[in-house]
């Protein structure tokens, strides 16, 4: 499995206290290039979002994005899209740290209807719900868990833009698998799906102020049906090291596939990143 992504140009502007003290406005624009086993794409996107704090822990977000994209799938199909996506989201966040939480929880729910202005794709609605929880059993031991559910309704899988379908596998998904290696395949390449389930459990141990270790268990499934399925889970597990810096932990994880590795071409995967996996 291979993937190459470039942000060729990107800009983001955030204005706090937009029209009221508890509200902010974000404007963004980006030119992107992505080359994966599933598709090859060029995209120009721009959008805005208004975020309001409802209470100390609750927040709401509303906005819209427009993306002009050219996508070529592995089967040779090539299409252009102009995707207009209004968005609405709610979040409940009691974490004590965003990059290295020790306690608290994060709950999120989002709805994104999408309309293709030039009519290549039928309209569809993407809905996602996720939960993350952290328990500090000791000042050096943290138990962490997460779950993510997603569904896309309104169009069949192959009528959706390839970049908008669900995929799973990788360092931010199910470790032990390469990027996009979980889900429906066609002619040896991933085609994505309309539903997603992911879950992870981690035991985090901080040996010193700078060094720590992690043991993890991940599972997930992408399905062609709208309703998330759990009957053919891909499962991975492994361990990792953490080096703690002033801006957050540096992460190195090694994962191995335990189940559902029919499309996996490696016996193990290595992931390097900044911040905890979730």
C-alpha atoms as a PDB file:
ATOM      1  CA  UNK A   1       0.000   0.000   0.000  1.00  0.00           C
ATOM      2  CA  UNK A   2       1.278   3.449  -0.852  1.00  0.00           C
ATOM      3  CA  UNK A   3      -0.041   6.960  -0.594  1.00  0.00           C
ATOM      4  CA  UNK A   4       1.364  10.367  -1.315  1.00  0.00           C
ATOM      5  CA  UNK A   5      -0.360  13.570  -0.249  1.00  0.00           C
ATOM      6  CA  UNK A   6       0.741  17.116  -0.820  1.00  0.00           C
ATOM      7  CA  UNK A   7      -0.741  20.375   0.386  1.00  0.00           C
ATOM      8  CA  UNK A   8       0.581  22.442  -2.506  1.00  0.00           C
ATOM      9  CA  UNK A   9      -0.679  25.689  -0.963  1.00  0.00           C
ATOM     10  CA  UNK A  10      -2.763  26.378   2.116  1.00  0.00           C
ATOM     11  CA  UNK A  11      -3.914  29.339   4.167  1.00  0.00           C
ATOM     12  CA  UNK A  12      -6.121  29.624   7.252  1.00  0.00           C
ATOM     13  CA  UNK A  13      -7.310  32.716   9.058  1.00  0.00           C
ATOM     14  CA  UNK A  14      -9.117  32.630  12.416  1.00  0.00           C
ATOM     15  CA  UNK A  15     -10.824  35.661  13.900  1.00  0.00           C
ATOM     16  CA  UNK A  16     -11.719  35.288  17.598  1.00  0.00           C
ATOM     17  CA  UNK A  17     -14.568  37.238  19.198  1.00  0.00           C
ATOM     18  CA  UNK A  18     -16.437  37.265  15.873  1.00  0.00           C
ATOM     19  CA  UNK A  19     -19.604  39.340  16.484  1.00  0.00           C
ATOM     20  CA  UNK A  20     -19.663  38.096  20.103  1.00  0.00           C
ATOM     21  CA  UNK A  21     -17.188  37.070  22.805  1.00  0.00           C
ATOM     22  CA  UNK A  22     -17.894  33.320  22.630  1.00  0.00           C
ATOM     23  CA  UNK A  23     -17.665  32.957  18.854  1.00  0.00           C
ATOM     24  CA  UNK A  24     -14.864  32.636  16.281  1.00  0.00           C
ATOM     25  CA  UNK A  25     -14.703  32.695  12.477  1.00  0.00           C
ATOM     26  CA  UNK A  26     -12.280  30.583  10.440  1.00  0.00           C
ATOM     27  CA  UNK A  27     -11.564  31.006   6.725  1.00  0.00           C
ATOM     28  CA  UNK A  28      -9.502  28.489   4.786  1.00  0.00           C
ATOM     29  CA  UNK A  29      -8.285  27.725   1.289  1.00  0.00           C
ATOM     30  CA  UNK A  30      -6.045  24.922   0.019  1.00  0.00           C
ATOM     31  CA  UNK A  31      -4.667  23.375  -3.149  1.00  0.00           C
ATOM     32  CA  UNK A  32      -4.154  19.640  -2.637  1.00  0.00           C
ATOM     33  CA  UNK A  33      -2.759  16.630  -4.467  1.00  0.00           C
ATOM     34  CA  UNK A  34      -3.302  13.020  -3.386  1.00  0.00           C
ATOM     35  CA  UNK A  35      -2.092   9.756  -4.909  1.00  0.00           C
ATOM     36  CA  UNK A  36      -3.343   6.570  -3.216  1.00  0.00           C
ATOM     37  CA  UNK A  37      -4.021   2.971  -4.187  1.00  0.00           C
ATOM     38  CA  UNK A  38      -7.699   3.912  -4.579  1.00  0.00           C
ATOM     39  CA  UNK A  39      -7.492   7.155  -6.575  1.00  0.00           C
ATOM     40  CA  UNK A  40      -5.388  10.051  -7.808  1.00  0.00           C
ATOM     41  CA  UNK A  41      -6.799  13.540  -7.194  1.00  0.00           C
ATOM     42  CA  UNK A  42      -6.199  17.261  -7.535  1.00  0.00           C
ATOM     43  CA  UNK A  43      -8.409  19.573  -5.490  1.00  0.00           C
ATOM     44  CA  UNK A  44      -8.932  23.264  -4.810  1.00  0.00           C
ATOM     45  CA  UNK A  45     -11.055  23.923  -1.749  1.00  0.00           C
ATOM     46  CA  UNK A  46     -12.211  26.919   0.236  1.00  0.00           C
ATOM     47  CA  UNK A  47     -14.596  27.392   3.115  1.00  0.00           C
ATOM     48  CA  UNK A  48     -15.599  29.022   6.345  1.00  0.00           C
ATOM     49  CA  UNK A  49     -16.723  27.896   9.778  1.00  0.00           C
ATOM     50  CA  UNK A  50     -18.250  29.704  12.730  1.00  0.00           C
ATOM     51  CA  UNK A  51     -17.626  28.093  16.100  1.00  0.00           C
ATOM     52  CA  UNK A  52     -19.532  29.084  19.233  1.00  0.00           C
ATOM     53  CA  UNK A  53     -18.930  28.026  22.816  1.00  0.00           C
ATOM     54  CA  UNK A  54     -22.256  27.060  24.378  1.00  0.00           C
ATOM     55  CA  UNK A  55     -20.864  26.241  27.813  1.00  0.00           C
ATOM     56  CA  UNK A  56     -17.366  25.611  29.094  1.00  0.00           C
ATOM     57  CA  UNK A  57     -17.383  22.114  27.537  1.00  0.00           C
ATOM     58  CA  UNK A  58     -20.018  22.266  24.796  1.00  0.00           C
ATOM     59  CA  UNK A  59     -19.416  23.946  21.439  1.00  0.00           C
ATOM     60  CA  UNK A  60     -21.229  24.123  18.112  1.00  0.00           C
ATOM     61  CA  UNK A  61     -19.914  24.696  14.617  1.00  0.00           C
ATOM     62  CA  UNK A  62     -21.611  25.690  11.356  1.00  0.00           C
ATOM     63  CA  UNK A  63     -20.098  26.496   7.995  1.00  0.00           C
ATOM     64  CA  UNK A  64     -19.642  25.415   4.410  1.00  0.00           C
ATOM     65  CA  UNK A  65     -16.902  24.268   2.034  1.00  0.00           C
ATOM     66  CA  UNK A  66     -16.673  24.191  -1.723  1.00  0.00           C
ATOM     67  CA  UNK A  67     -14.213  21.891  -3.456  1.00  0.00           C
ATOM     68  CA  UNK A  68     -13.351  21.640  -7.131  1.00  0.00           C
ATOM     69  CA  UNK A  69     -11.644  18.326  -7.708  1.00  0.00           C
ATOM     70  CA  UNK A  70     -10.475  16.044 -10.495  1.00  0.00           C
ATOM     71  CA  UNK A  71     -10.350  12.362  -9.519  1.00  0.00           C
ATOM     72  CA  UNK A  72      -8.943   9.451 -11.465  1.00  0.00           C
ATOM     73  CA  UNK A  73      -9.710   6.033  -9.993  1.00  0.00           C
ATOM     74  CA  UNK A  74      -7.514   2.961 -10.358  1.00  0.00           C
ATOM     75  CA  UNK A  75     -10.036   1.392 -12.750  1.00  0.00           C
ATOM     76  CA  UNK A  76      -9.429   4.250 -15.190  1.00  0.00           C
ATOM     77  CA  UNK A  77     -12.607   6.244 -14.485  1.00  0.00           C
ATOM     78  CA  UNK A  78     -11.940   9.975 -14.422  1.00  0.00           C
ATOM     79  CA  UNK A  79     -14.413  12.669 -13.309  1.00  0.00           C
ATOM     80  CA  UNK A  80     -14.615  16.304 -12.278  1.00  0.00           C
ATOM     81  CA  UNK A  81     -16.677  17.475  -9.303  1.00  0.00           C
ATOM     82  CA  UNK A  82     -17.726  20.782  -7.750  1.00  0.00           C
ATOM     83  CA  UNK A  83     -18.784  19.778  -4.243  1.00  0.00           C
ATOM     84  CA  UNK A  84     -20.687  22.227  -2.046  1.00  0.00           C
ATOM     85  CA  UNK A  85     -20.833  20.968   1.542  1.00  0.00           C
ATOM     86  CA  UNK A  86     -22.678  22.783   4.336  1.00  0.00           C
ATOM     87  CA  UNK A  87     -21.667  21.423   7.724  1.00  0.00           C
ATOM     88  CA  UNK A  88     -22.929  21.382  11.289  1.00  0.00           C
ATOM     89  CA  UNK A  89     -21.256  19.827  14.323  1.00  0.00           C
ATOM     90  CA  UNK A  90     -21.558  19.550  18.084  1.00  0.00           C
ATOM     91  CA  UNK A  91     -18.693  18.757  20.459  1.00  0.00           C
ATOM     92  CA  UNK A  92     -18.333  18.049  24.179  1.00  0.00           C
ATOM     93  CA  UNK A  93     -14.719  18.307  25.306  1.00  0.00           C
ATOM     94  CA  UNK A  94     -13.443  17.877  28.871  1.00  0.00           C
ATOM     95  CA  UNK A  95      -9.894  16.730  28.014  1.00  0.00           C
ATOM     96  CA  UNK A  96      -7.076  18.231  30.043  1.00  0.00           C
ATOM     97  CA  UNK A  97      -4.754  18.360  27.003  1.00  0.00           C
ATOM     98  CA  UNK A  98      -5.437  18.062  23.268  1.00  0.00           C
ATOM     99  CA  UNK A  99      -2.125  16.439  22.234  1.00  0.00           C
ATOM    100  CA  UNK A 100      -1.586  14.253  25.325  1.00  0.00           C
ATOM    101  CA  UNK A 101      -4.816  13.806  27.325  1.00  0.00           C
ATOM    102  CA  UNK A 102      -4.667  12.129  30.736  1.00  0.00           C
ATOM    103  CA  UNK A 103      -8.320  12.475  31.712  1.00  0.00           C
ATOM    104  CA  UNK A 104     -11.620  13.672  30.333  1.00  0.00           C
ATOM    105  CA  UNK A 105     -13.600  12.896  27.203  1.00  0.00           C
ATOM    106  CA  UNK A 106     -14.315  14.169  23.712  1.00  0.00           C
ATOM    107  CA  UNK A 107     -17.683  13.528  22.053  1.00  0.00           C
ATOM    108  CA  UNK A 108     -18.385  14.768  18.530  1.00  0.00           C
ATOM    109  CA  UNK A 109     -21.298  14.569  16.113  1.00  0.00           C
ATOM    110  CA  UNK A 110     -21.323  16.042  12.603  1.00  0.00           C
ATOM    111  CA  UNK A 111     -23.657  16.177   9.596  1.00  0.00           C
ATOM    112  CA  UNK A 112     -22.454  17.209   6.136  1.00  0.00           C
ATOM    113  CA  UNK A 113     -24.870  17.221   3.174  1.00  0.00           C
ATOM    114  CA  UNK A 114     -23.017  17.491  -0.128  1.00  0.00           C
ATOM    115  CA  UNK A 115     -24.279  18.722  -3.489  1.00  0.00           C
ATOM    116  CA  UNK A 116     -22.336  18.436  -6.724  1.00  0.00           C
ATOM    117  CA  UNK A 117     -22.956  21.715  -8.543  1.00  0.00           C
ATOM    118  CA  UNK A 118     -22.091  20.243 -11.950  1.00  0.00           C
ATOM    119  CA  UNK A 119     -24.122  17.087 -11.353  1.00  0.00           C
ATOM    120  CA  UNK A 120     -21.480  14.382 -11.708  1.00  0.00           C
ATOM    121  CA  UNK A 121     -22.474  12.902  -8.336  1.00  0.00           C
ATOM    122  CA  UNK A 122     -25.895  12.505  -6.741  1.00  0.00           C
ATOM    123  CA  UNK A 123     -26.445  14.455  -3.497  1.00  0.00           C
ATOM    124  CA  UNK A 124     -25.421  12.589  -0.354  1.00  0.00           C
ATOM    125  CA  UNK A 125     -25.205  13.143   3.411  1.00  0.00           C
ATOM    126  CA  UNK A 126     -22.229  12.122   5.544  1.00  0.00           C
ATOM    127  CA  UNK A 127     -22.852  11.658   9.262  1.00  0.00           C
ATOM    128  CA  UNK A 128     -20.191  10.808  11.842  1.00  0.00           C
ATOM    129  CA  UNK A 129     -20.256  10.273  15.604  1.00  0.00           C
ATOM    130  CA  UNK A 130     -17.143   9.696  17.693  1.00  0.00           C
ATOM    131  CA  UNK A 131     -16.194   9.309  21.349  1.00  0.00           C
ATOM    132  CA  UNK A 132     -12.825   9.378  23.102  1.00  0.00           C
ATOM    133  CA  UNK A 133     -12.271   8.789  26.819  1.00  0.00           C
ATOM    134  CA  UNK A 134      -9.224   8.950  29.097  1.00  0.00           C
ATOM    135  CA  UNK A 135      -8.705   7.609  32.624  1.00  0.00           C
ATOM    136  CA  UNK A 136      -5.587   8.354  34.661  1.00  0.00           C
ATOM    137  CA  UNK A 137      -5.109   5.273  36.854  1.00  0.00           C
ATOM    138  CA  UNK A 138      -1.795   6.604  38.167  1.00  0.00           C
ATOM    139  CA  UNK A 139       0.256   9.711  37.457  1.00  0.00           C
ATOM    140  CA  UNK A 140       2.253   7.580  34.994  1.00  0.00           C
ATOM    141  CA  UNK A 141      -0.517   5.264  33.684  1.00  0.00           C
ATOM    142  CA  UNK A 142      -3.397   6.279  31.403  1.00  0.00           C
ATOM    143  CA  UNK A 143      -6.101   4.071  29.872  1.00  0.00           C
ATOM    144  CA  UNK A 144      -7.508   5.520  26.632  1.00  0.00           C
ATOM    145  CA  UNK A 145     -10.300   4.415  24.317  1.00  0.00           C
ATOM    146  CA  UNK A 146     -12.071   5.673  21.239  1.00  0.00           C
ATOM    147  CA  UNK A 147     -14.917   4.747  18.898  1.00  0.00           C
ATOM    148  CA  UNK A 148     -15.943   6.201  15.544  1.00  0.00           C
ATOM    149  CA  UNK A 149     -19.074   5.522  13.498  1.00  0.00           C
ATOM    150  CA  UNK A 150     -19.867   6.938  10.078  1.00  0.00           C
ATOM    151  CA  UNK A 151     -22.492   6.563   7.370  1.00  0.00           C
ATOM    152  CA  UNK A 152     -23.153   8.044   3.936  1.00  0.00           C
ATOM    153  CA  UNK A 153     -26.674   8.036   2.523  1.00  0.00           C
ATOM    154  CA  UNK A 154     -28.134   9.256  -0.763  1.00  0.00           C
ATOM    155  CA  UNK A 155     -25.836   7.670  -3.370  1.00  0.00           C
ATOM    156  CA  UNK A 156     -24.327   4.280  -4.081  1.00  0.00           C
ATOM    157  CA  UNK A 157     -20.656   3.719  -3.265  1.00  0.00           C
ATOM    158  CA  UNK A 158     -19.438   3.889  -6.855  1.00  0.00           C
ATOM    159  CA  UNK A 159     -21.494   7.054  -7.525  1.00  0.00           C
ATOM    160  CA  UNK A 160     -19.707   8.861  -4.681  1.00  0.00           C
ATOM    161  CA  UNK A 161     -16.503  10.752  -5.421  1.00  0.00           C
ATOM    162  CA  UNK A 162     -13.727   8.306  -4.527  1.00  0.00           C
ATOM    163  CA  UNK A 163     -12.094  10.790  -2.141  1.00  0.00           C
ATOM    164  CA  UNK A 164     -15.350  11.184  -0.165  1.00  0.00           C
ATOM    165  CA  UNK A 165     -15.922   7.492   0.611  1.00  0.00           C
ATOM    166  CA  UNK A 166     -14.897   5.879   3.882  1.00  0.00           C
ATOM    167  CA  UNK A 167     -11.587   4.041   4.164  1.00  0.00           C
ATOM    168  CA  UNK A 168      -9.780   2.536   7.163  1.00  0.00           C
ATOM    169  CA  UNK A 169      -6.280   1.451   8.052  1.00  0.00           C
ATOM    170  CA  UNK A 170      -3.192   3.424   9.018  1.00  0.00           C
ATOM    171  CA  UNK A 171      -1.658   5.244  11.949  1.00  0.00           C
ATOM    172  CA  UNK A 172      -4.778   7.253  12.758  1.00  0.00           C
ATOM    173  CA  UNK A 173      -7.150   4.343  12.155  1.00  0.00           C
ATOM    174  CA  UNK A 174      -6.438   0.614  12.566  1.00  0.00           C
ATOM    175  CA  UNK A 175      -2.709   0.122  13.112  1.00  0.00           C
ATOM    176  CA  UNK A 176      -1.137  -3.011  11.664  1.00  0.00           C
ATOM    177  CA  UNK A 177      -2.668  -2.120   8.290  1.00  0.00           C
ATOM    178  CA  UNK A 178      -1.558   0.296   5.597  1.00  0.00           C
ATOM    179  CA  UNK A 179      -3.520   3.372   4.563  1.00  0.00           C
ATOM    180  CA  UNK A 180      -6.893   2.400   3.007  1.00  0.00           C
ATOM    181  CA  UNK A 181      -6.168  -1.357   3.314  1.00  0.00           C
ATOM    182  CA  UNK A 182      -9.419  -2.100   5.179  1.00  0.00           C
ATOM    183  CA  UNK A 183     -12.699  -2.254   3.282  1.00  0.00           C
ATOM    184  CA  UNK A 184     -14.057  -3.368  -0.096  1.00  0.00           C
ATOM    185  CA  UNK A 185     -11.478  -4.065  -2.816  1.00  0.00           C
ATOM    186  CA  UNK A 186     -11.808  -4.377  -6.561  1.00  0.00           C
ATOM    187  CA  UNK A 187      -9.050  -5.734  -8.829  1.00  0.00           C
ATOM    188  CA  UNK A 188      -6.603  -5.572  -5.932  1.00  0.00           C
ATOM    189  CA  UNK A 189      -7.259  -1.940  -4.997  1.00  0.00           C
ATOM    190  CA  UNK A 190      -9.489  -0.322  -2.342  1.00  0.00           C
ATOM    191  CA  UNK A 191     -12.740   1.269  -3.504  1.00  0.00           C
ATOM    192  CA  UNK A 192     -14.036   2.513  -0.119  1.00  0.00           C
ATOM    193  CA  UNK A 193     -17.503   2.207   1.332  1.00  0.00           C
ATOM    194  CA  UNK A 194     -20.551   3.987   2.758  1.00  0.00           C
ATOM    195  CA  UNK A 195     -20.189   2.988   6.408  1.00  0.00           C
ATOM    196  CA  UNK A 196     -17.361   3.010   8.909  1.00  0.00           C
ATOM    197  CA  UNK A 197     -16.658   1.549  12.340  1.00  0.00           C
ATOM    198  CA  UNK A 198     -13.386   2.030  14.221  1.00  0.00           C
ATOM    199  CA  UNK A 199     -12.359   1.436  17.815  1.00  0.00           C
ATOM    200  CA  UNK A 200      -9.082   1.527  19.756  1.00  0.00           C
ATOM    201  CA  UNK A 201      -7.857   0.780  23.264  1.00  0.00           C
ATOM    202  CA  UNK A 202      -4.503   1.945  24.621  1.00  0.00           C
ATOM    203  CA  UNK A 203      -2.492   1.522  27.802  1.00  0.00           C
ATOM    204  CA  UNK A 204      -0.035   4.414  28.120  1.00  0.00           C
ATOM    205  CA  UNK A 205       2.881   4.256  30.541  1.00  0.00           C
ATOM    206  CA  UNK A 206       5.245   7.156  31.146  1.00  0.00           C
ATOM    207  CA  UNK A 207       8.585   5.751  32.337  1.00  0.00           C
ATOM    208  CA  UNK A 208      10.365   9.099  32.761  1.00  0.00           C
ATOM    209  CA  UNK A 209       9.552  12.740  32.118  1.00  0.00           C
ATOM    210  CA  UNK A 210      10.711  12.304  28.515  1.00  0.00           C
ATOM    211  CA  UNK A 211      10.102   8.637  27.644  1.00  0.00           C
ATOM    212  CA  UNK A 212       6.992   6.489  27.583  1.00  0.00           C
ATOM    213  CA  UNK A 213       5.514   3.332  26.083  1.00  0.00           C
ATOM    214  CA  UNK A 214       2.124   2.295  24.722  1.00  0.00           C
ATOM    215  CA  UNK A 215       0.340  -1.011  24.110  1.00  0.00           C
ATOM    216  CA  UNK A 216      -2.649  -0.834  21.773  1.00  0.00           C
ATOM    217  CA  UNK A 217      -5.490  -2.839  20.242  1.00  0.00           C
ATOM    218  CA  UNK A 218      -7.383  -1.517  17.191  1.00  0.00           C
ATOM    219  CA  UNK A 219     -10.323  -2.810  15.167  1.00  0.00           C
ATOM    220  CA  UNK A 220     -12.372  -1.491  12.277  1.00  0.00           C
ATOM    221  CA  UNK A 221     -14.572  -2.238   9.304  1.00  0.00           C
ATOM    222  CA  UNK A 222     -15.636  -0.374   6.163  1.00  0.00           C
ATOM    223  CA  UNK A 223     -18.723  -1.695   4.401  1.00  0.00           C
ATOM    224  CA  UNK A 224     -20.582  -1.026   1.164  1.00  0.00           C
ATOM    225  CA  UNK A 225     -23.893  -0.838   3.041  1.00  0.00           C
ATOM    226  CA  UNK A 226     -25.143   2.353   4.712  1.00  0.00           C
ATOM    227  CA  UNK A 227     -25.412   0.818   8.193  1.00  0.00           C
ATOM    228  CA  UNK A 228     -22.052   0.226   9.955  1.00  0.00           C
ATOM    229  CA  UNK A 229     -21.238  -3.485  10.174  1.00  0.00           C
ATOM    230  CA  UNK A 230     -19.243  -5.474  12.743  1.00  0.00           C
ATOM    231  CA  UNK A 231     -19.235  -8.985  11.241  1.00  0.00           C
ATOM    232  CA  UNK A 232     -15.881  -8.854   9.455  1.00  0.00           C
ATOM    233  CA  UNK A 233     -13.653  -6.711  11.645  1.00  0.00           C
ATOM    234  CA  UNK A 234     -10.032  -6.118  10.768  1.00  0.00           C
ATOM    235  CA  UNK A 235      -7.980  -6.290  13.981  1.00  0.00           C
ATOM    236  CA  UNK A 236      -4.484  -5.057  14.720  1.00  0.00           C
ATOM    237  CA  UNK A 237      -2.358  -4.731  17.836  1.00  0.00           C
ATOM    238  CA  UNK A 238       1.099  -3.597  18.813  1.00  0.00           C
ATOM    239  CA  UNK A 239       3.255  -1.343  20.923  1.00  0.00           C
ATOM    240  CA  UNK A 240       4.938   2.012  20.640  1.00  0.00           C
ATOM    241  CA  UNK A 241       7.338   4.522  22.154  1.00  0.00           C
ATOM    242  CA  UNK A 242       6.700   8.134  23.103  1.00  0.00           C
ATOM    243  CA  UNK A 243       9.235  10.934  23.453  1.00  0.00           C
ATOM    244  CA  UNK A 244       7.656  13.858  25.302  1.00  0.00           C
ATOM    245  CA  UNK A 245       8.524  17.382  24.169  1.00  0.00           C
ATOM    246  CA  UNK A 246       7.234  20.783  25.232  1.00  0.00           C
ATOM    247  CA  UNK A 247       4.721  20.830  22.347  1.00  0.00           C
ATOM    248  CA  UNK A 248       3.518  17.226  22.672  1.00  0.00           C
ATOM    249  CA  UNK A 249       4.717  13.621  22.381  1.00  0.00           C
ATOM    250  CA  UNK A 250       6.573  12.277  19.353  1.00  0.00           C
ATOM    251  CA  UNK A 251       5.007   8.940  18.445  1.00  0.00           C
ATOM    252  CA  UNK A 252       6.495   5.728  17.035  1.00  0.00           C
ATOM    253  CA  UNK A 253       4.125   2.744  16.814  1.00  0.00           C
ATOM    254  CA  UNK A 254       4.651  -0.752  15.412  1.00  0.00           C
ATOM    255  CA  UNK A 255       1.447  -2.645  14.613  1.00  0.00           C
ATOM    256  CA  UNK A 256       0.763  -6.154  13.328  1.00  0.00           C
ATOM    257  CA  UNK A 257      -2.465  -7.394  11.701  1.00  0.00           C
ATOM    258  CA  UNK A 258      -4.267 -10.109  13.656  1.00  0.00           C
ATOM    259  CA  UNK A 259      -7.364 -10.558  11.500  1.00  0.00           C
ATOM    260  CA  UNK A 260      -8.663  -9.375   8.136  1.00  0.00           C
ATOM    261  CA  UNK A 261      -5.294  -8.954   6.450  1.00  0.00           C
ATOM    262  CA  UNK A 262      -6.248 -10.495   3.098  1.00  0.00           C
ATOM    263  CA  UNK A 263      -5.393  -7.241   1.328  1.00  0.00           C
ATOM    264  CA  UNK A 264      -2.422  -6.399   3.549  1.00  0.00           C
ATOM    265  CA  UNK A 265       0.978  -6.763   1.879  1.00  0.00           C
ATOM    266  CA  UNK A 266       3.092  -6.304   5.044  1.00  0.00           C
ATOM    267  CA  UNK A 267       3.572  -8.385   8.198  1.00  0.00           C
ATOM    268  CA  UNK A 268       3.835  -5.204  10.259  1.00  0.00           C
ATOM    269  CA  UNK A 269       3.535  -1.444   9.870  1.00  0.00           C
ATOM    270  CA  UNK A 270       5.527   1.424  11.427  1.00  0.00           C
ATOM    271  CA  UNK A 271       3.946   4.808  12.126  1.00  0.00           C
ATOM    272  CA  UNK A 272       5.717   8.035  13.121  1.00  0.00           C
ATOM    273  CA  UNK A 273       3.801  11.178  14.039  1.00  0.00           C
ATOM    274  CA  UNK A 274       3.335  14.038  16.518  1.00  0.00           C
ATOM    275  CA  UNK A 275       0.765  13.674  19.300  1.00  0.00           C
ATOM    276  CA  UNK A 276      -0.969  10.589  20.621  1.00  0.00           C
ATOM    277  CA  UNK A 277      -2.902   8.385  18.193  1.00  0.00           C
ATOM    278  CA  UNK A 278      -6.109   9.863  19.660  1.00  0.00           C
END
